[in-house]
Amino acid sequence: MNDMTIGAAQGAPEPSDIVFTGRDDEFRDLLFKGTPLEIITVGFYRFWLATKIRQHLWSHTILDGDAFAYLGTARELLIGFLFAMAILAPIYLASFLLGVEAERSRSFVSSLVGVFFWVFWQFAVYRARRYRLHRTAWRGLRFYMDGSGVSYALRAMGWGFVSIVTLGLALPWMQAALERYKMRHTYYGDLSGDFVATAGDFFKQGSRLWLGAAFTGAACIGGSAFAAIHGGGWLVLMLPVLAATAFIEIYARFKALQWKWWLEGVRIGDVRANSTLEAHALTGYYWMFVGLLFASAVAAAIALWVVLAFPPRFVGIPIAVLIYLALIVQYSILWRTYFVQRVWRIVVNSLTIHNLHAAQEVAMRLDASSPTALGEGFADSLDVVGF
């Protein structure tokens, strides 16, 4: 008798399906209509576009027959961004003036400001996730997150220092510790979260990728030194291309590994997930993005040369500006297509959810206050909003 037969005989609950049903043409239309408006409105339409993207992703993610819902609004994001900028603008100005006045210690001032903004960036990431969770609901009940963004940022700063000193070897322990903090402050109603994946497993699975990246970097440096000493212009030209190719492949496989490790480590009460995501699952998306973006850049460069090489120049300059803006639009569309919607689809469709019955009778926490979009405003002002 196999395990499945034993489970059925003992009345074990069946695993639950989760699927993403969004169509590529719907998402493409959303981007083609919304992305140009971002340019026309000098970026302000992104709050509305981000809201529509999330509504599309959430509403087409179906768990056990019921879709998730995104309850956030563009107005919340806009107000949060404006409030955050009112706080951050004086800090930006003060850091600039301090750097101008302290000419002799400019490098020290720049380093100090850099550390501050890195810590603040971690704070923003935590608060943005808290906001998005509270605006996410399933079967009429919201997720919730408490905890301290400051405490999280200080933890991230300490782990970041350790990761730098160890040349990235401590990165799995950093991610495990930070994810544990986030998930232990995450709730679905009164059902609390946890993170049980270990850094050792992540390190063991990713060690070959780390060695590959280290070998690629060392080979590139060594090859460049050899070419400088013994000559060989072709080698100088080829090495960056080969290194970039290797790093793209390594990073794509790392992201797939990271997704699978994280998803299988998340717990909401007794609810857990298994993922069939394979190591090469995302590489095609990365190469499609790089290839299409490169083709767009080449086409834009040719078009710019044509319009600027021939008179009248005053006509060519406005056309050149339009070509540049079109390239920005193309980049935004490609990034959101391959790294948001396509990755979301393949990740969601790789999942099987277990013990979902534990979330059937859940009540909302009485102390679950509604956070504002200020945290997401900080994240957006620092350009770290997910989409």
Protein backbone atom coordinates (compact mmCIF):
# COMPACT_ATOMS: atom_id res chain seq x y z
CA MET A 1 0.00 0.00 0.00
CA ASN A 2 1.52 3.32 -1.05
CA ASP A 3 1.54 6.59 0.91
CA MET A 4 -1.37 8.03 -1.07
CA THR A 5 -3.55 4.99 -0.30
CA ILE A 6 -2.60 5.14 3.37
CA GLY A 7 -3.40 8.87 3.49
CA ALA A 8 -6.77 8.32 1.87
CA ALA A 9 -7.56 5.47 4.24
CA GLN A 10 -6.75 7.65 7.23
CA GLY A 11 -8.86 10.51 5.91
CA ALA A 12 -5.93 12.85 5.20
CA PRO A 13 -7.06 15.99 3.37
CA GLU A 14 -6.31 16.19 -0.32
CA PRO A 15 -3.80 18.84 -1.50
CA SER A 16 -5.39 21.97 -2.97
CA ASP A 17 -4.79 23.37 -6.42
CA ILE A 18 -3.64 26.91 -7.05
CA VAL A 19 -3.54 28.21 -10.61
CA PHE A 20 -2.98 31.46 -12.46
CA THR A 21 -5.58 32.00 -15.18
CA GLY A 22 -4.54 35.43 -16.51
CA ARG A 23 -4.17 35.70 -20.28
CA ASP A 24 -1.08 37.17 -21.93
CA ASP A 25 -3.12 39.34 -24.30
CA GLU A 26 -5.03 40.95 -21.40
CA PHE A 27 -1.82 41.81 -19.59
CA ARG A 28 -0.20 43.05 -22.80
CA ASP A 29 -3.14 45.38 -23.49
CA LEU A 30 -2.90 46.67 -19.92
CA LEU A 31 0.78 47.54 -20.41
CA PHE A 32 0.42 49.02 -23.89
CA LYS A 33 -2.30 51.36 -22.65
CA GLY A 34 -0.77 52.23 -19.29
CA THR A 35 2.98 52.49 -19.90
CA PRO A 36 2.82 55.42 -22.39
CA LEU A 37 0.61 57.25 -19.89
CA GLU A 38 3.43 56.96 -17.34
CA ILE A 39 5.66 58.92 -19.72
CA ILE A 40 2.99 61.51 -20.55
CA THR A 41 2.23 62.11 -16.85
CA VAL A 42 5.94 62.21 -15.91
CA GLY A 43 5.60 58.98 -13.94
CA PHE A 44 2.50 59.75 -11.89
CA TYR A 45 0.29 57.27 -13.71
CA ARG A 46 2.45 54.44 -12.36
CA PHE A 47 0.33 54.38 -9.19
CA TRP A 48 -2.76 53.57 -11.26
CA LEU A 49 -0.88 51.11 -13.46
CA ALA A 50 0.66 49.31 -10.46
CA THR A 51 -2.82 48.99 -8.93
CA LYS A 52 -4.26 47.56 -12.15
CA ILE A 53 -1.36 45.11 -12.50
CA ARG A 54 -1.87 43.86 -8.96
CA GLN A 55 -5.62 43.55 -9.47
CA HIS A 56 -4.92 41.50 -12.61
CA LEU A 57 -2.45 39.19 -10.87
CA TRP A 58 -4.41 38.75 -7.65
CA SER A 59 -7.83 38.25 -9.29
CA HIS A 60 -6.49 35.57 -11.67
CA THR A 61 -4.75 33.62 -8.91
CA ILE A 62 -7.25 30.94 -7.91
CA LEU A 63 -6.77 28.86 -4.77
CA ASP A 64 -9.23 26.03 -4.15
CA GLY A 65 -11.71 27.65 -6.52
CA ASP A 66 -11.59 31.15 -4.99
CA ALA A 67 -9.59 34.11 -6.32
CA PHE A 68 -7.42 36.44 -4.28
CA ALA A 69 -8.37 40.13 -4.18
CA TYR A 70 -6.19 43.24 -4.13
CA LEU A 71 -7.94 45.99 -2.17
CA GLY A 72 -5.39 48.80 -2.47
CA THR A 73 -6.04 51.96 -4.48
CA ALA A 74 -3.92 54.23 -6.66
CA ARG A 75 -4.92 57.19 -4.51
CA GLU A 76 -3.39 55.51 -1.45
CA LEU A 77 -0.13 54.97 -3.32
CA LEU A 78 -0.04 58.55 -4.58
CA ILE A 79 -0.69 60.06 -1.15
CA GLY A 80 1.90 57.77 0.43
CA PHE A 81 4.48 58.75 -2.20
CA LEU A 82 3.85 62.49 -1.77
CA PHE A 83 4.07 62.24 2.01
CA ALA A 84 7.27 60.21 1.78
CA MET A 85 8.83 62.71 -0.62
CA ALA A 86 7.98 65.54 1.78
CA ILE A 87 10.11 63.72 4.36
CA LEU A 88 12.90 62.53 2.08
CA ALA A 89 13.39 65.68 -0.02
CA PRO A 90 15.00 67.68 2.84
CA ILE A 91 17.27 64.69 3.57
CA TYR A 92 18.38 64.54 -0.08
CA LEU A 93 19.00 68.31 -0.05
CA ALA A 94 20.90 68.21 3.26
CA SER A 95 23.15 65.39 2.06
CA PHE A 96 23.92 67.32 -1.13
CA LEU A 97 24.75 70.55 0.71
CA LEU A 98 26.81 68.67 3.28
CA GLY A 99 28.82 67.09 0.49
CA VAL A 100 29.42 70.48 -1.15
CA GLU A 101 30.54 72.13 2.10
CA ALA A 102 32.73 69.27 3.28
CA GLU A 103 34.99 69.02 0.22
CA ARG A 104 37.84 67.35 2.08
CA SER A 105 35.63 64.74 3.66
CA ARG A 106 33.25 64.23 0.75
CA SER A 107 33.98 60.48 0.49
CA PHE A 108 33.21 60.04 4.19
CA VAL A 109 29.99 62.03 3.90
CA SER A 110 28.96 60.04 0.80
CA SER A 111 29.61 56.76 2.60
CA LEU A 112 27.61 57.88 5.63
CA VAL A 113 24.69 58.98 3.48
CA GLY A 114 24.92 55.75 1.50
CA VAL A 115 24.66 53.65 4.66
CA PHE A 116 21.69 55.71 5.84
CA PHE A 117 19.78 55.26 2.61
CA TRP A 118 20.59 51.55 2.48
CA VAL A 119 19.12 51.08 5.96
CA PHE A 120 16.17 53.28 5.04
CA TRP A 121 15.71 51.20 1.88
CA GLN A 122 15.33 48.06 4.02
CA PHE A 123 12.82 49.87 6.23
CA ALA A 124 10.87 50.84 3.10
CA VAL A 125 10.88 47.28 1.77
CA TYR A 126 9.40 45.98 5.04
CA ARG A 127 6.70 48.62 5.23
CA ALA A 128 5.77 48.17 1.57
CA ARG A 129 5.29 44.44 2.09
CA ARG A 130 3.19 45.17 5.15
CA TYR A 131 0.95 47.47 3.13
CA ARG A 132 0.52 45.01 0.24
CA LEU A 133 -0.30 42.13 2.60
CA HIS A 134 -3.01 44.11 4.35
CA ARG A 135 -4.52 44.96 0.96
CA THR A 136 -4.61 41.25 0.01
CA ALA A 137 -7.68 39.13 0.81
CA TRP A 138 -8.84 35.59 0.16
CA ARG A 139 -12.39 34.44 0.79
CA GLY A 140 -13.20 37.85 2.25
CA LEU A 141 -10.49 37.75 4.91
CA ARG A 142 -7.38 39.90 4.79
CA PHE A 143 -3.77 39.07 5.44
CA TYR A 144 -2.01 41.18 8.03
CA MET A 145 1.53 42.05 9.11
CA ASP A 146 2.86 43.74 12.22
CA GLY A 147 6.40 44.07 13.54
CA SER A 148 8.88 46.93 13.36
CA GLY A 149 10.36 48.24 10.14
CA VAL A 150 13.22 49.78 12.14
CA SER A 151 14.03 46.47 13.82
CA TYR A 152 13.99 44.74 10.43
CA ALA A 153 16.26 47.39 8.88
CA LEU A 154 18.80 47.05 11.71
CA ARG A 155 18.81 43.28 11.28
CA ALA A 156 19.32 43.72 7.54
CA MET A 157 22.20 46.12 8.14
CA GLY A 158 23.98 43.66 10.44
CA TRP A 159 23.49 40.72 8.10
CA GLY A 160 24.49 42.84 5.11
CA PHE A 161 27.82 43.63 6.75
CA VAL A 162 28.43 39.93 7.45
CA SER A 163 27.54 39.03 3.86
CA ILE A 164 30.02 41.59 2.50
CA VAL A 165 32.80 40.38 4.78
CA THR A 166 32.19 36.75 3.73
CA LEU A 167 32.01 37.65 0.01
CA GLY A 168 28.37 36.60 -0.17
CA LEU A 169 28.73 33.23 1.57
CA ALA A 170 26.50 34.40 4.44
CA LEU A 171 23.71 35.47 2.08
CA PRO A 172 21.58 32.32 2.70
CA TRP A 173 21.72 32.92 6.47
CA MET A 174 20.84 36.58 5.94
CA GLN A 175 17.81 35.75 3.80
CA ALA A 176 16.63 33.01 6.15
CA ALA A 177 16.88 35.27 9.22
CA LEU A 178 15.12 38.22 7.56
CA GLU A 179 12.40 36.04 6.08
CA ARG A 180 11.82 34.42 9.46
CA TYR A 181 11.30 37.85 11.01
CA LYS A 182 8.83 38.87 8.28
CA MET A 183 6.82 35.66 8.33
CA ARG A 184 6.61 35.49 12.12
CA HIS A 185 4.87 38.86 11.96
CA THR A 186 2.52 37.76 9.15
CA TYR A 187 -1.06 36.55 9.69
CA TYR A 188 -4.06 35.36 7.76
CA GLY A 189 -6.81 36.40 10.08
CA ASP A 190 -5.70 35.01 13.43
CA LEU A 191 -3.57 32.32 11.81
CA SER A 192 0.10 33.19 12.33
CA GLY A 193 2.93 32.67 9.87
CA ASP A 194 6.41 31.18 10.12
CA PHE A 195 9.40 30.39 7.93
CA VAL A 196 11.00 26.97 8.33
CA ALA A 197 13.42 26.68 5.39
CA THR A 198 17.04 26.51 6.52
CA ALA A 199 19.99 28.54 5.32
CA GLY A 200 22.04 25.34 5.11
CA ASP A 201 19.73 23.90 2.44
CA PHE A 202 19.83 27.14 0.47
CA PHE A 203 23.61 27.26 0.71
CA LYS A 204 23.98 23.62 -0.35
CA GLN A 205 21.69 24.06 -3.35
CA GLY A 206 23.24 27.37 -4.40
CA SER A 207 26.90 26.57 -3.79
CA ARG A 208 27.52 25.51 -7.38
CA LEU A 209 26.02 28.76 -8.63
CA TRP A 210 28.21 30.75 -6.24
CA LEU A 211 31.30 28.84 -7.42
CA GLY A 212 30.27 29.43 -11.03
CA ALA A 213 29.93 33.17 -10.42
CA ALA A 214 33.28 33.28 -8.60
CA PHE A 215 35.01 31.32 -11.37
CA THR A 216 33.47 33.55 -14.04
CA GLY A 217 34.60 36.70 -12.26
CA ALA A 218 38.12 35.36 -11.70
CA ALA A 219 38.40 34.20 -15.33
CA CYS A 220 37.28 37.59 -16.59
CA ILE A 221 39.82 39.44 -14.41
CA GLY A 222 42.59 37.00 -15.28
CA GLY A 223 41.80 37.12 -18.97
CA SER A 224 41.80 40.90 -18.99
CA ALA A 225 45.18 40.98 -17.23
CA PHE A 226 46.60 38.48 -19.73
CA ALA A 227 45.27 40.50 -22.67
CA ALA A 228 46.75 43.71 -21.23
CA ILE A 229 50.20 42.11 -20.82
CA HIS A 230 50.41 40.00 -23.97
CA GLY A 231 48.02 41.86 -26.22
CA GLY A 232 44.83 40.50 -27.78
CA GLY A 233 42.15 43.04 -28.46
CA TRP A 234 39.68 40.32 -29.45
CA LEU A 235 39.96 38.81 -25.98
CA VAL A 236 39.23 42.17 -24.34
CA LEU A 237 36.08 42.44 -26.46
CA MET A 238 34.93 38.87 -25.97
CA LEU A 239 35.45 38.52 -22.21
CA PRO A 240 32.72 40.98 -21.13
CA VAL A 241 30.24 39.30 -23.49
CA LEU A 242 31.08 35.81 -22.21
CA ALA A 243 31.00 37.00 -18.58
CA ALA A 244 27.63 38.72 -19.06
CA THR A 245 26.23 35.57 -20.69
CA ALA A 246 27.41 33.40 -17.79
CA PHE A 247 26.11 35.80 -15.13
CA ILE A 248 22.66 36.02 -16.77
CA GLU A 249 22.38 32.23 -16.79
CA ILE A 250 23.65 31.94 -13.21
CA TYR A 251 21.33 34.67 -11.91
CA ALA A 252 18.26 33.19 -13.63
CA ARG A 253 18.96 29.81 -12.03
CA PHE A 254 19.60 31.48 -8.68
CA LYS A 255 16.21 33.22 -8.78
CA ALA A 256 14.44 29.93 -9.55
CA LEU A 257 16.25 28.28 -6.64
CA GLN A 258 15.43 31.20 -4.37
CA TRP A 259 11.74 31.12 -5.30
CA LYS A 260 11.43 27.38 -4.64
CA TRP A 261 13.35 27.59 -1.34
CA TRP A 262 11.21 30.49 -0.12
CA LEU A 263 7.86 29.07 -1.19
CA GLU A 264 8.47 25.71 0.46
CA GLY A 265 9.66 27.41 3.65
CA VAL A 266 6.59 29.61 4.15
CA ARG A 267 3.97 28.53 6.66
CA ILE A 268 0.61 30.04 7.53
CA GLY A 269 -0.46 27.99 10.50
CA ASP A 270 -0.26 24.41 9.21
CA VAL A 271 -0.73 25.47 5.58
CA ARG A 272 2.32 24.79 3.45
CA ALA A 273 3.29 24.54 -0.21
CA ASN A 274 5.33 22.28 -2.46
CA SER A 275 6.85 23.65 -5.67
CA THR A 276 7.90 21.80 -8.82
CA LEU A 277 9.87 24.81 -10.07
CA GLU A 278 13.00 23.56 -11.81
CA ALA A 279 16.40 25.26 -11.85
CA HIS A 280 16.11 26.25 -15.51
CA ALA A 281 12.48 27.36 -15.29
CA LEU A 282 13.19 31.11 -15.53
CA THR A 283 16.18 31.15 -17.88
CA GLY A 284 14.01 31.43 -20.99
CA TYR A 285 12.34 34.58 -19.66
CA TYR A 286 15.67 36.18 -18.85
CA TRP A 287 17.05 35.47 -22.31
CA MET A 288 13.86 36.67 -24.00
CA PHE A 289 14.06 39.91 -22.03
CA VAL A 290 17.75 40.45 -22.80
CA GLY A 291 17.35 39.54 -26.48
CA LEU A 292 14.32 41.75 -27.11
CA LEU A 293 15.82 44.65 -25.15
CA PHE A 294 19.09 44.35 -27.08
CA ALA A 295 17.20 44.29 -30.38
CA SER A 296 15.22 47.37 -29.30
CA ALA A 297 18.42 49.18 -28.31
CA VAL A 298 20.06 48.39 -31.68
CA ALA A 299 16.98 49.55 -33.57
CA ALA A 300 16.84 52.74 -31.49
CA ALA A 301 20.57 53.40 -32.08
CA ILE A 302 20.14 53.01 -35.84
CA ALA A 303 17.09 55.27 -35.84
CA LEU A 304 18.94 57.90 -33.77
CA TRP A 305 21.89 57.84 -36.18
CA VAL A 306 19.56 58.30 -39.15
CA VAL A 307 17.61 61.23 -37.71
CA LEU A 308 20.71 63.01 -36.33
CA ALA A 309 23.10 62.38 -39.22
CA PHE A 310 21.11 64.26 -41.82
CA PRO A 311 19.79 67.82 -41.83
CA PRO A 312 17.72 69.57 -40.78
CA ARG A 313 19.01 68.93 -37.24
CA PHE A 314 16.19 70.85 -35.53
CA VAL A 315 13.76 68.24 -36.85
CA GLY A 316 15.93 65.32 -35.79
CA ILE A 317 16.30 66.32 -32.16
CA PRO A 318 12.57 66.05 -31.24
CA ILE A 319 12.41 62.73 -33.11
CA ALA A 320 15.48 61.54 -31.18
CA VAL A 321 13.74 62.42 -27.91
CA LEU A 322 10.68 60.41 -28.99
CA ILE A 323 12.87 57.43 -29.87
CA TYR A 324 14.51 57.63 -26.44
CA LEU A 325 11.12 57.73 -24.71
CA ALA A 326 9.92 54.82 -26.84
CA LEU A 327 12.92 52.80 -25.67
CA ILE A 328 12.00 53.52 -22.04
CA VAL A 329 8.43 52.38 -22.72
CA GLN A 330 9.72 49.22 -24.39
CA TYR A 331 11.99 48.44 -21.43
CA SER A 332 9.13 48.91 -18.96
CA ILE A 333 6.79 46.67 -20.97
CA LEU A 334 9.39 43.92 -21.35
CA TRP A 335 10.38 44.03 -17.67
CA ARG A 336 6.79 43.80 -16.46
CA THR A 337 5.93 41.11 -18.99
CA TYR A 338 8.78 38.71 -18.30
CA PHE A 339 9.72 39.45 -14.68
CA VAL A 340 6.25 40.14 -13.27
CA GLN A 341 3.42 38.38 -15.12
CA ARG A 342 5.34 35.47 -16.66
CA VAL A 343 7.32 34.72 -13.50
CA TRP A 344 4.15 35.04 -11.40
CA ARG A 345 2.37 32.53 -13.66
CA ILE A 346 5.10 29.89 -13.69
CA VAL A 347 5.71 30.21 -9.95
CA VAL A 348 2.01 29.98 -9.02
CA ASN A 349 1.37 27.07 -11.39
CA SER A 350 4.29 25.15 -9.85
CA LEU A 351 2.60 25.07 -6.43
CA THR A 352 0.56 22.51 -4.58
CA ILE A 353 -0.99 23.69 -1.31
CA HIS A 354 -1.27 21.28 1.64
CA ASN A 355 -3.41 21.44 4.79
CA LEU A 356 -5.60 24.25 3.45
CA HIS A 357 -8.37 22.99 5.73
CA ALA A 358 -6.48 24.72 8.57
CA ALA A 359 -7.47 28.08 7.06
CA GLN A 360 -11.17 27.31 6.69
CA GLU A 361 -12.33 28.58 10.09
CA VAL A 362 -10.23 31.67 10.73
CA ALA A 363 -11.26 34.93 12.40
CA MET A 364 -9.81 38.39 11.83
CA ARG A 365 -7.37 39.57 14.49
CA LEU A 366 -8.98 42.21 16.68
CA ASP A 367 -5.75 44.27 16.79
CA ALA A 368 -5.24 44.21 13.01
CA SER A 369 -5.13 47.94 12.30
CA SER A 370 -5.07 49.12 8.70
CA PRO A 371 -1.66 50.51 7.67
CA THR A 372 -1.50 53.44 5.31
CA ALA A 373 0.39 53.50 2.03
CA LEU A 374 3.17 55.54 3.66
CA GLY A 375 5.46 52.52 3.75
CA GLU A 376 4.86 51.88 0.08
CA GLY A 377 5.40 55.59 -0.52
CA PHE A 378 8.87 55.33 1.00
CA ALA A 379 9.59 52.31 -1.17
CA ASP A 380 8.35 54.02 -4.33
CA SER A 381 10.38 57.16 -3.63
CA LEU A 382 13.47 54.93 -3.35
CA ASP A 383 12.48 52.98 -6.48
CA VAL A 384 12.08 49.63 -4.74
CA VAL A 385 8.36 48.98 -5.38
CA GLY A 386 7.91 45.51 -6.84
CA PHE A 387 5.81 46.60 -9.80
